[in-house]
């Protein structure tokens, strides 16, 4: 993954990690700390997108973008 995309991905995960929503904050923190695998993170992002991906909040487009970027890892 090129550096710009990696930075974008980490920026999104930092937002998820600061969200306070247990579906996505703990898996994002674990990934950023190097303690989670890719499949766990993808599962968490998909679950968050399923539960909240169309509510109109700032995270809605980020779930989809994070999934796109994650597939490039």
Protein backbone atom coordinates (compact mmCIF):
# COMPACT_ATOMS: atom_id res chain seq x y z
CA UNK A 1 0.00 0.00 0.00
CA UNK A 2 1.41 3.38 -0.89
CA UNK A 3 2.23 5.79 1.91
CA UNK A 4 -0.68 8.19 1.26
CA UNK A 5 -3.21 5.38 1.38
CA UNK A 6 -1.61 3.95 4.52
CA UNK A 7 -1.83 7.35 6.19
CA UNK A 8 -5.46 7.73 5.10
CA UNK A 9 -6.27 4.28 6.48
CA UNK A 10 -4.59 5.03 9.81
CA UNK A 11 -6.40 8.37 10.01
CA UNK A 12 -9.74 6.63 9.55
CA UNK A 13 -8.84 4.01 12.15
CA UNK A 14 -7.84 6.73 14.60
CA UNK A 15 -11.30 8.26 14.18
CA UNK A 16 -12.90 4.87 14.76
CA UNK A 17 -10.68 4.30 17.81
CA UNK A 18 -11.80 7.61 19.31
CA UNK A 19 -15.48 6.99 18.62
CA UNK A 20 -16.27 5.26 21.89
CA UNK A 21 -18.41 2.71 20.05
CA UNK A 22 -17.27 -0.76 21.11
CA UNK A 23 -18.13 -2.34 17.75
CA UNK A 24 -15.35 -0.39 16.08
CA UNK A 25 -13.16 1.38 18.66
CA UNK A 26 -11.48 -1.65 20.24
CA UNK A 27 -10.72 -3.43 16.94
CA UNK A 28 -9.31 -0.19 15.50
CA UNK A 29 -7.12 0.40 18.55
CA UNK A 30 -5.90 -3.19 18.41
CA UNK A 31 -4.97 -2.82 14.73
CA UNK A 32 -3.15 0.47 15.34
CA UNK A 33 -1.21 -1.20 18.17
CA UNK A 34 -0.35 -4.17 15.95
CA UNK A 35 -2.48 -6.56 18.00
CA UNK A 36 -5.27 -7.45 15.54
CA UNK A 37 -5.34 -9.34 12.30
CA UNK A 38 -6.85 -8.12 9.07
CA UNK A 39 -9.89 -10.41 9.17
CA UNK A 40 -10.88 -9.25 12.68
CA UNK A 41 -10.68 -5.65 11.55
CA UNK A 42 -12.67 -6.27 8.37
CA UNK A 43 -15.34 -8.10 10.37
CA UNK A 44 -15.63 -5.17 12.79
CA UNK A 45 -15.81 -2.58 10.02
CA UNK A 46 -18.46 -4.58 8.16
CA UNK A 47 -20.51 -4.92 11.36
CA UNK A 48 -20.25 -1.19 12.03
CA UNK A 49 -21.27 -0.44 8.45
CA UNK A 50 -24.22 -2.82 8.74
CA UNK A 51 -25.43 -1.27 12.01
CA UNK A 52 -24.68 2.37 11.28
CA UNK A 53 -23.57 2.73 7.66
CA UNK A 54 -26.55 4.75 6.50
CA UNK A 55 -27.53 6.81 9.53
CA UNK A 56 -26.05 10.01 8.12
CA UNK A 57 -23.18 10.39 10.59
CA UNK A 58 -19.62 11.31 9.60
CA UNK A 59 -18.54 7.67 9.81
CA UNK A 60 -20.89 6.34 7.12
CA UNK A 61 -18.52 6.95 4.17
CA UNK A 62 -15.50 6.04 6.29
CA UNK A 63 -16.63 2.44 6.78
CA UNK A 64 -16.75 1.90 3.05
CA UNK A 65 -13.46 3.67 2.43
CA UNK A 66 -11.72 1.75 5.21
CA UNK A 67 -12.90 -1.52 3.67
CA UNK A 68 -11.54 -0.45 0.27
CA UNK A 69 -8.19 0.46 1.77
CA UNK A 70 -8.04 -2.66 3.92
CA UNK A 71 -8.31 -4.90 0.87
CA UNK A 72 -5.11 -3.30 -0.42
CA UNK A 73 -3.11 -4.32 2.64
